[in-house]
Amino acid sequence: MTHAPADTRTRLQRRTLILLSVAQILSGIAAGSIVSVGSLIAVDLTGSDAWAGSVTTANTLGAALASLILAQLAAARGRRPALAGGLAIAALGATSVIAAAVTGQLLLLLLGGALMGFGSAVNLQARFAATDLAAPRTRSRDLSIVVWMSTVGAVTGPNLIAFAEAISQVTGLPLLAAAFAPPIAGLLAAVAVLGIGLRPDPLLLSREHEGALDPAWSAASTPQPVPDGAASSRGRFTGLSRSFAALRGHPRALAALIAILAAHAVMVAVMSMTPVHMEHHGATLQLVGLTVSLHIAGMYALAPVMGLLADRLGPPAVLVGGLAVLILAVALSGASGANAALTTAGLILLGLGWSAATVAGAAMIAASVTGPERVAVQGLADSLMSLAGAAGGALAGVGLAVVGYGGLNAAGGAVAALAIVAVLAVLRRPRVAP
């Protein structure tokens, strides 16, 4: 098949962005619910606040593993089965959460949280799917639009808890279990949107286009048969080793990954401990909620602006600028003390710096690795991003106890500064030929 003409490719890209955006809104409902309601169910089942973060941890680890699995599926079969299949598994996970709340089984709850991590992995992979057919001049903008759309569902999800009581009365489910009915509906609707609508598959179509331009690339990207005995034992490890090798050979992609991991770890660490810091200084629950809401707005509301800046100024400039904003953010937050206004300003800047670094970084990865390892590298980046967030959240509590909120922010600033140095050093390296 010949590759699609430019006007057809543009039309298909516009349609793909609409489908991905709608699916992000629908599936994002579940992302908000697992954080807000999942922790409440865990405490209810165990009777201990110590288990409050267990579901979020299971969800994060599930997302890290799911990113690798879905990347392999996308590489072999295309974006449509990977994205729709991942959301279907997430819907199964939400159903497991309901079953856990009904039966009182903690392990079933944790399993459900881990399976819902597939939905989080889909939300991450969707931003790369937005670049498959994108023109180079609008790649960052297209990616950022999908990132921005995911926030609509994430913000809406917790607010749908208001309908839980009515659902509980109609179905007889426990109140907290009933709160997961809207997420299941949203996930299944997103499965239908992508499973039915995402044709032709943007990744497969982009391969046809690139293969027509470079037959050698097309041959290299065609999956080769693997002996049955070796497929399960070494397939995943071979994919990971090739992904790391591809990163070493593409300095821009490696620099982008360093920035993404640093930005995400710093953001999660500081954000997760800020409510505790504000509460210790007598802030009301409403003020804490407002601060977190403004932080989330900083993360996502201006994502399209970050994309436009990356297209205009170049992703590396926005990437480094985002890390610099993170340093300013933690300087304000760390010195805020009981000044809630300074804390809030720092959290807003924290979100903006994260947005700039992650949008520009993802665009750099999408643009830099264009060969057969492209999707595997994207999956590895998403997996490591989830693990970086988990590490940042886990270490933040220890850091707060040992060095306090100011020390935690200082450590975050040091990580961001080191990341800038590493990014600039890696960007000076020449690309290694395959």
Protein backbone atom coordinates (compact mmCIF):
# COMPACT_ATOMS: atom_id res chain seq x y z
CA MET A 1 0.00 0.00 0.00
CA THR A 2 1.27 3.47 -0.82
CA HIS A 3 1.54 5.97 1.94
CA ALA A 4 -1.25 8.45 2.59
CA PRO A 5 -1.11 11.85 0.82
CA ALA A 6 -0.35 14.84 3.01
CA ASP A 7 -3.93 16.14 3.08
CA THR A 8 -5.31 12.70 3.96
CA ARG A 9 -2.68 12.30 6.67
CA THR A 10 -3.65 15.69 8.14
CA ARG A 11 -7.33 14.73 8.15
CA LEU A 12 -6.61 11.40 9.80
CA GLN A 13 -4.40 13.07 12.40
CA ARG A 14 -7.20 15.50 13.28
CA ARG A 15 -9.64 12.59 13.64
CA THR A 16 -7.14 10.63 15.75
CA LEU A 17 -6.68 13.59 18.11
CA ILE A 18 -10.46 13.87 18.58
CA LEU A 19 -10.82 10.16 19.34
CA LEU A 20 -7.87 10.13 21.74
CA SER A 21 -9.15 13.26 23.49
CA VAL A 22 -12.64 11.81 23.99
CA ALA A 23 -11.17 8.56 25.30
CA GLN A 24 -8.88 10.48 27.67
CA ILE A 25 -11.84 12.33 29.14
CA LEU A 26 -13.89 9.16 29.61
CA SER A 27 -11.08 7.03 31.02
CA GLY A 28 -9.70 9.85 33.17
CA ILE A 29 -12.75 9.47 35.43
CA ALA A 30 -11.24 6.24 36.75
CA ALA A 31 -7.86 7.85 37.44
CA GLY A 32 -9.40 10.37 39.81
CA SER A 33 -11.56 7.77 41.54
CA ILE A 34 -8.82 5.27 42.34
CA VAL A 35 -6.84 7.92 44.23
CA SER A 36 -9.73 9.51 46.09
CA VAL A 37 -12.00 6.53 46.81
CA GLY A 38 -9.55 3.63 46.67
CA SER A 39 -7.71 4.87 49.75
CA LEU A 40 -10.99 5.16 51.65
CA ILE A 41 -11.91 1.57 50.82
CA ALA A 42 -8.47 0.37 51.96
CA VAL A 43 -8.88 2.12 55.32
CA ASP A 44 -12.42 0.80 55.64
CA LEU A 45 -11.32 -2.80 55.01
CA THR A 46 -8.27 -2.73 57.28
CA GLY A 47 -9.36 -0.29 59.95
CA SER A 48 -5.93 1.39 59.74
CA ASP A 49 -4.80 4.64 58.09
CA ALA A 50 -1.45 2.94 57.43
CA TRP A 51 -3.05 1.19 54.43
CA ALA A 52 -4.42 4.40 52.91
CA GLY A 53 -1.69 4.59 50.27
CA SER A 54 -1.66 0.89 49.40
CA VAL A 55 -4.10 1.12 46.50
CA THR A 56 -2.27 4.07 44.95
CA THR A 57 1.01 2.16 45.28
CA ALA A 58 -0.52 -0.92 43.63
CA ASN A 59 -1.92 1.31 40.89
CA THR A 60 1.46 2.95 40.25
CA LEU A 61 3.34 -0.35 40.10
CA GLY A 62 0.62 -1.79 37.87
CA ALA A 63 1.00 1.17 35.53
CA ALA A 64 4.77 0.66 35.36
CA LEU A 65 4.37 -2.97 34.31
CA ALA A 66 1.42 -2.23 32.04
CA SER A 67 3.41 0.40 30.13
CA LEU A 68 5.90 -2.26 29.03
CA ILE A 69 3.20 -4.81 28.16
CA LEU A 70 1.08 -2.35 26.19
CA ALA A 71 4.14 -1.03 24.35
CA GLN A 72 4.94 -4.57 23.18
CA LEU A 73 1.34 -5.05 22.09
CA ALA A 74 1.34 -1.73 20.22
CA ALA A 75 4.62 -2.60 18.49
CA ALA A 76 3.20 -5.94 17.35
CA ARG A 77 -0.44 -5.07 16.61
CA GLY A 78 -0.83 -1.29 16.60
CA ARG A 79 -2.19 1.38 18.92
CA ARG A 80 -5.86 0.37 18.71
CA PRO A 81 -5.61 -3.06 20.40
CA ALA A 82 -3.09 -1.74 22.94
CA LEU A 83 -5.13 1.27 24.00
CA ALA A 84 -8.56 -0.39 23.88
CA GLY A 85 -7.25 -3.58 25.48
CA GLY A 86 -5.56 -1.68 28.29
CA LEU A 87 -8.76 0.20 29.09
CA ALA A 88 -10.74 -3.06 29.09
CA ILE A 89 -8.32 -4.51 31.66
CA ALA A 90 -8.70 -1.32 33.72
CA ALA A 91 -12.50 -1.78 33.65
CA LEU A 92 -11.97 -5.31 34.97
CA GLY A 93 -9.81 -3.80 37.71
CA ALA A 94 -12.55 -1.35 38.69
CA THR A 95 -15.00 -4.27 38.85
CA SER A 96 -12.54 -6.05 41.15
CA VAL A 97 -12.47 -3.00 43.42
CA ILE A 98 -16.27 -3.17 43.73
CA ALA A 99 -16.07 -6.91 44.48
CA ALA A 100 -13.41 -6.24 47.12
CA ALA A 101 -15.56 -3.63 48.83
CA VAL A 102 -18.51 -6.06 48.87
CA THR A 103 -16.55 -9.10 50.08
CA GLY A 104 -14.05 -7.30 52.30
CA GLN A 105 -11.00 -8.81 50.55
CA LEU A 106 -7.94 -6.54 50.71
CA LEU A 107 -5.93 -8.60 48.21
CA LEU A 108 -8.73 -8.30 45.68
CA LEU A 109 -8.71 -4.54 46.23
CA LEU A 110 -4.97 -4.34 45.61
CA LEU A 111 -5.32 -6.52 42.51
CA GLY A 112 -8.05 -4.22 41.25
CA GLY A 113 -5.85 -1.19 41.86
CA ALA A 114 -2.97 -2.82 39.97
CA LEU A 115 -5.23 -3.71 37.02
CA MET A 116 -6.54 -0.15 36.94
CA GLY A 117 -2.90 0.81 36.41
CA PHE A 118 -3.44 -0.34 32.82
CA GLY A 119 -5.73 2.65 32.45
CA SER A 120 -2.99 4.97 33.69
CA ALA A 121 -0.56 3.36 31.23
CA VAL A 122 -3.05 3.93 28.40
CA ASN A 123 -3.34 7.60 29.35
CA LEU A 124 0.44 7.90 29.05
CA GLN A 125 0.70 5.95 25.80
CA ALA A 126 -2.11 8.01 24.27
CA ARG A 127 0.11 11.11 24.23
CA PHE A 128 2.63 9.23 22.08
CA ALA A 129 -0.19 7.94 19.87
CA ALA A 130 -1.01 11.58 19.21
CA THR A 131 2.41 11.98 17.55
CA ASP A 132 2.26 8.97 15.21
CA LEU A 133 0.75 10.96 12.33
CA ALA A 134 1.69 14.44 13.55
CA ALA A 135 3.63 16.84 11.35
CA PRO A 136 7.01 17.77 12.90
CA ARG A 137 5.99 21.41 13.26
CA THR A 138 2.92 20.52 15.39
CA ARG A 139 4.14 17.37 17.17
CA SER A 140 4.49 18.97 20.62
CA ARG A 141 1.16 20.78 20.32
CA ASP A 142 -0.72 17.62 19.32
CA LEU A 143 0.83 15.68 22.20
CA SER A 144 -0.01 18.42 24.70
CA ILE A 145 -3.67 18.53 23.63
CA VAL A 146 -4.11 14.88 24.61
CA VAL A 147 -2.31 15.53 27.91
CA TRP A 148 -4.63 18.46 28.58
CA MET A 149 -7.77 16.44 27.82
CA SER A 150 -6.87 13.78 30.38
CA THR A 151 -7.34 16.32 33.15
CA VAL A 152 -11.04 16.79 32.40
CA GLY A 153 -11.83 13.25 33.44
CA ALA A 154 -9.34 13.27 36.32
CA VAL A 155 -10.99 16.36 37.81
CA THR A 156 -14.52 15.12 37.07
CA GLY A 157 -13.99 11.65 38.56
CA PRO A 158 -13.85 12.57 42.26
CA ASN A 159 -16.86 14.87 41.83
CA LEU A 160 -18.97 11.96 40.58
CA ILE A 161 -18.81 10.55 44.10
CA ALA A 162 -21.90 12.68 44.70
CA PHE A 163 -23.87 10.15 42.62
CA ALA A 164 -22.62 7.19 44.68
CA GLU A 165 -25.46 7.39 47.18
CA ALA A 166 -28.13 7.21 44.48
CA ILE A 167 -26.31 4.33 42.75
CA SER A 168 -25.97 2.55 46.10
CA GLN A 169 -29.71 2.84 46.76
CA VAL A 170 -30.59 1.49 43.33
CA THR A 171 -28.05 -1.37 43.21
CA GLY A 172 -27.68 -2.23 46.89
CA LEU A 173 -23.88 -1.83 46.67
CA PRO A 174 -21.92 -0.34 49.58
CA LEU A 175 -21.53 3.42 49.21
CA LEU A 176 -17.80 3.39 48.40
CA ALA A 177 -18.22 0.48 45.98
CA ALA A 178 -20.99 2.33 44.16
CA ALA A 179 -18.56 5.20 43.52
CA PHE A 180 -16.75 2.95 41.01
CA ALA A 181 -19.79 2.45 38.78
CA PRO A 182 -19.22 5.71 36.82
CA PRO A 183 -15.52 4.86 36.23
CA ILE A 184 -16.49 1.46 34.81
CA ALA A 185 -18.99 3.11 32.49
CA GLY A 186 -16.40 5.67 31.41
CA LEU A 187 -13.75 3.03 30.76
CA LEU A 188 -16.09 0.85 28.70
CA ALA A 189 -17.23 3.88 26.70
CA ALA A 190 -13.56 4.74 26.02
CA VAL A 191 -12.96 1.13 24.90
CA ALA A 192 -15.80 1.51 22.39
CA VAL A 193 -14.50 4.89 21.16
CA LEU A 194 -11.00 3.56 20.45
CA GLY A 195 -11.90 -0.01 19.53
CA ILE A 196 -14.42 1.08 16.92
CA GLY A 197 -13.20 4.50 15.92
CA LEU A 198 -9.40 4.25 15.77
CA ARG A 199 -9.30 2.91 12.22
CA PRO A 200 -6.98 3.13 10.40
CA ASP A 201 -4.49 2.58 13.19
CA PRO A 202 -2.23 5.67 13.43
CA LEU A 203 0.91 3.70 14.32
CA LEU A 204 0.48 1.17 11.52
CA LEU A 205 -0.31 3.94 9.05
CA SER A 206 2.79 5.88 10.09
CA ARG A 207 4.85 2.73 9.55
CA GLU A 208 3.49 2.39 6.03
CA HIS A 209 4.44 5.99 5.35
CA GLU A 210 7.95 5.65 6.79
CA GLY A 211 8.42 2.28 5.12
CA ALA A 212 7.55 3.81 1.76
CA LEU A 213 10.20 6.46 2.34
CA ASP A 214 12.76 3.99 3.70
CA PRO A 215 12.24 0.30 2.74
CA ALA A 216 15.13 -0.70 5.03
CA TRP A 217 13.25 0.73 8.00
CA SER A 218 10.11 -1.14 6.96
CA ALA A 219 11.99 -4.43 6.84
CA ALA A 220 13.62 -3.80 10.20
CA SER A 221 10.29 -2.98 11.82
CA THR A 222 8.58 -6.16 10.66
CA PRO A 223 8.36 -8.56 13.63
CA GLN A 224 10.56 -11.58 13.12
CA PRO A 225 9.39 -15.06 14.17
CA VAL A 226 10.78 -16.25 17.49
CA PRO A 227 11.00 -19.94 18.44
CA ASP A 228 8.21 -20.91 20.83
CA GLY A 229 10.57 -21.94 23.60
CA ALA A 230 12.40 -18.64 23.50
CA ALA A 231 9.47 -16.27 23.11
CA SER A 232 8.38 -16.15 26.72
CA SER A 233 11.83 -16.51 28.29
CA ARG A 234 13.72 -13.81 26.50
CA GLY A 235 11.24 -11.72 24.51
CA ARG A 236 10.63 -9.12 27.19
CA PHE A 237 14.29 -8.93 28.22
CA THR A 238 15.38 -8.55 24.59
CA GLY A 239 12.86 -5.74 24.16
CA LEU A 240 14.12 -3.95 27.26
CA SER A 241 17.77 -4.31 26.30
CA ARG A 242 17.02 -2.97 22.81
CA SER A 243 15.13 -0.05 24.34
CA PHE A 244 18.04 0.89 26.60
CA ALA A 245 20.44 0.49 23.68
CA ALA A 246 18.25 2.77 21.56
CA LEU A 247 18.28 5.39 24.31
CA ARG A 248 22.08 5.28 24.48
CA GLY A 249 22.19 5.78 20.73
CA HIS A 250 19.81 8.76 20.77
CA PRO A 251 21.18 11.47 23.09
CA ARG A 252 18.12 13.71 22.69
CA ALA A 253 15.81 10.92 23.81
CA LEU A 254 18.07 10.05 26.74
CA ALA A 255 18.27 13.70 27.81
CA ALA A 256 14.49 13.95 27.61
CA LEU A 257 14.05 10.84 29.75
CA ILE A 258 16.45 12.17 32.41
CA ALA A 259 14.44 15.39 32.61
CA ILE A 260 11.08 13.60 32.74
CA LEU A 261 12.18 11.28 35.55
CA ALA A 262 13.69 14.09 37.60
CA ALA A 263 10.69 16.39 37.11
CA HIS A 264 8.16 13.68 37.96
CA ALA A 265 10.02 12.47 41.06
CA VAL A 266 10.45 16.02 42.41
CA MET A 267 6.84 16.96 41.65
CA VAL A 268 5.36 13.89 43.36
CA ALA A 269 7.65 14.19 46.40
CA VAL A 270 6.91 17.85 47.08
CA MET A 271 3.24 17.72 46.12
CA SER A 272 2.47 14.71 48.31
CA MET A 273 4.01 16.28 51.43
CA THR A 274 2.65 19.81 50.99
CA PRO A 275 -0.78 19.04 52.54
CA VAL A 276 0.97 17.64 55.62
CA HIS A 277 3.21 20.73 55.83
CA MET A 278 0.25 23.10 55.52
CA GLU A 279 -1.78 21.20 58.10
CA HIS A 280 1.10 21.40 60.57
CA HIS A 281 1.01 25.20 60.17
CA GLY A 282 -2.73 25.38 60.83
CA ALA A 283 -4.07 25.67 57.28
CA THR A 284 -7.72 24.75 56.86
CA LEU A 285 -8.75 21.74 54.79
CA GLN A 286 -10.36 24.10 52.28
CA LEU A 287 -7.11 26.01 51.83
CA VAL A 288 -5.17 22.78 51.40
CA GLY A 289 -7.69 21.65 48.78
CA LEU A 290 -7.41 24.97 46.94
CA THR A 291 -3.62 24.74 46.89
CA VAL A 292 -3.68 21.21 45.46
CA SER A 293 -6.30 22.23 42.88
CA LEU A 294 -4.18 25.17 41.72
CA HIS A 295 -1.17 22.87 41.55
CA ILE A 296 -3.07 20.44 39.31
CA ALA A 297 -4.20 23.38 37.17
CA GLY A 298 -0.55 24.35 36.81
CA MET A 299 0.29 20.82 35.70
CA TYR A 300 -2.32 20.55 32.97
CA ALA A 301 -4.16 23.77 32.18
CA LEU A 302 -1.28 25.26 30.19
CA ALA A 303 -0.08 22.00 28.61
CA PRO A 304 -1.11 23.21 25.11
CA VAL A 305 0.89 26.39 25.70
CA MET A 306 3.92 24.27 26.61
CA GLY A 307 3.40 22.31 23.41
CA LEU A 308 3.26 25.47 21.31
CA LEU A 309 6.40 26.80 22.99
CA ALA A 310 8.20 23.51 22.31
CA ASP A 311 7.21 23.73 18.63
CA ARG A 312 8.36 27.36 18.40
CA LEU A 313 11.48 27.39 20.59
CA GLY A 314 12.48 23.74 20.32
CA PRO A 315 11.81 21.02 22.93
CA PRO A 316 15.30 21.21 24.56
CA ALA A 317 14.82 24.87 25.51
CA VAL A 318 11.41 24.21 27.06
CA LEU A 319 12.75 21.06 28.74
CA VAL A 320 15.58 22.89 30.50
CA GLY A 321 13.31 25.84 31.22
CA GLY A 322 10.86 23.51 32.94
CA LEU A 323 13.58 22.15 35.21
CA ALA A 324 14.65 25.71 36.02
CA VAL A 325 11.06 26.57 36.98
CA LEU A 326 11.06 23.54 39.28
CA ILE A 327 14.11 24.95 41.10
CA LEU A 328 12.32 28.27 41.57
CA ALA A 329 9.21 26.41 42.75
CA VAL A 330 10.94 24.42 45.47
CA ALA A 331 12.85 27.53 46.57
CA LEU A 332 9.53 29.30 47.21
CA SER A 333 7.86 26.30 48.82
CA GLY A 334 10.83 25.42 50.97
CA ALA A 335 11.09 28.96 52.36
CA SER A 336 7.33 29.44 52.80
CA GLY A 337 7.00 28.25 56.39
CA ALA A 338 3.52 29.21 57.61
CA ASN A 339 2.98 31.57 54.65
CA ALA A 340 0.24 29.72 52.73
CA ALA A 341 0.40 32.18 49.82
CA LEU A 342 4.08 31.38 49.22
CA THR A 343 3.39 27.66 49.52
CA THR A 344 0.59 27.94 46.97
CA ALA A 345 2.74 29.99 44.57
CA GLY A 346 5.46 27.36 44.84
CA LEU A 347 3.00 24.57 44.11
CA ILE A 348 1.63 26.37 41.05
CA LEU A 349 5.17 26.82 39.70
CA LEU A 350 5.87 23.18 40.53
CA GLY A 351 3.00 22.17 38.27
CA LEU A 352 4.10 24.52 35.48
CA GLY A 353 7.69 23.26 35.59
CA TRP A 354 6.49 19.65 35.51
CA SER A 355 4.23 20.43 32.55
CA ALA A 356 7.01 22.06 30.55
CA ALA A 357 9.52 19.28 31.23
CA THR A 358 7.17 16.36 30.57
CA VAL A 359 5.46 17.75 27.47
CA ALA A 360 8.74 18.81 25.85
CA GLY A 361 10.45 15.60 26.98
CA ALA A 362 7.77 13.33 25.53
CA ALA A 363 7.89 15.29 22.26
CA MET A 364 11.67 14.86 22.12
CA ILE A 365 11.38 11.10 22.64
CA ALA A 366 8.70 10.81 19.96
CA ALA A 367 10.80 12.80 17.49
CA SER A 368 14.20 11.29 18.26
CA VAL A 369 13.50 7.55 18.15
CA THR A 370 11.75 6.91 14.86
CA GLY A 371 13.00 3.41 14.03
CA PRO A 372 11.56 0.03 14.95
CA GLU A 373 12.42 0.55 18.65
CA ARG A 374 10.26 3.69 18.85
CA VAL A 375 7.24 2.20 20.65
CA ALA A 376 9.38 0.10 23.01
CA VAL A 377 11.35 3.19 24.06
CA GLN A 378 8.11 5.07 24.64
CA GLY A 379 6.82 2.24 26.82
CA LEU A 380 10.08 2.13 28.78
CA ALA A 381 9.88 5.89 29.34
CA ASP A 382 6.32 5.60 30.66
CA SER A 383 7.26 2.69 32.92
CA LEU A 384 10.28 4.48 34.38
CA MET A 385 8.19 7.63 34.85
CA SER A 386 5.69 5.68 36.96
CA LEU A 387 8.51 4.15 39.01
CA ALA A 388 10.12 7.57 39.50
CA GLY A 389 6.84 8.88 40.87
CA ALA A 390 6.52 5.90 43.19
CA ALA A 391 10.09 6.43 44.44
CA GLY A 392 9.52 10.15 44.93
CA GLY A 393 6.36 9.54 46.92
CA ALA A 394 7.94 6.79 49.03
CA LEU A 395 11.05 8.82 49.89
CA ALA A 396 9.13 12.03 50.53
CA GLY A 397 7.69 10.84 53.83
CA VAL A 398 11.10 9.81 55.08
CA GLY A 399 12.59 13.08 53.89
CA LEU A 400 9.93 15.11 55.65
CA ALA A 401 10.54 13.26 58.91
CA VAL A 402 14.34 13.58 58.71
CA VAL A 403 15.04 17.02 57.20
CA GLY A 404 11.64 18.71 57.27
CA TYR A 405 9.69 20.36 54.46
CA GLY A 406 12.42 22.89 53.72
CA GLY A 407 15.04 20.16 53.46
CA LEU A 408 12.78 18.09 51.23
CA ASN A 409 12.39 21.03 48.84
CA ALA A 410 16.14 21.66 48.92
CA ALA A 411 16.73 18.05 47.92
CA GLY A 412 14.22 18.44 45.11
CA GLY A 413 16.02 21.54 43.88
CA ALA A 414 19.32 19.66 43.91
CA VAL A 415 17.79 16.85 41.84
CA ALA A 416 16.43 19.35 39.29
CA ALA A 417 19.78 21.19 39.10
CA LEU A 418 21.69 17.94 38.58
CA ALA A 419 19.18 16.99 35.91
CA ILE A 420 19.89 20.24 34.03
CA VAL A 421 23.62 19.51 34.12
CA ALA A 422 23.04 15.92 32.94
CA VAL A 423 20.65 17.01 30.18
CA LEU A 424 23.07 19.61 28.80
CA ALA A 425 25.95 17.12 28.93
CA VAL A 426 24.00 14.38 27.17
CA LEU A 427 22.73 16.76 24.47
CA ARG A 428 26.35 17.50 23.52
CA ARG A 429 27.01 13.83 22.78
CA PRO A 430 26.89 12.79 19.12
CA ARG A 431 24.27 10.30 18.08
CA VAL A 432 25.57 6.73 17.93
CA ALA A 433 24.86 5.03 14.63
CA PRO A 434 22.91 1.75 14.94
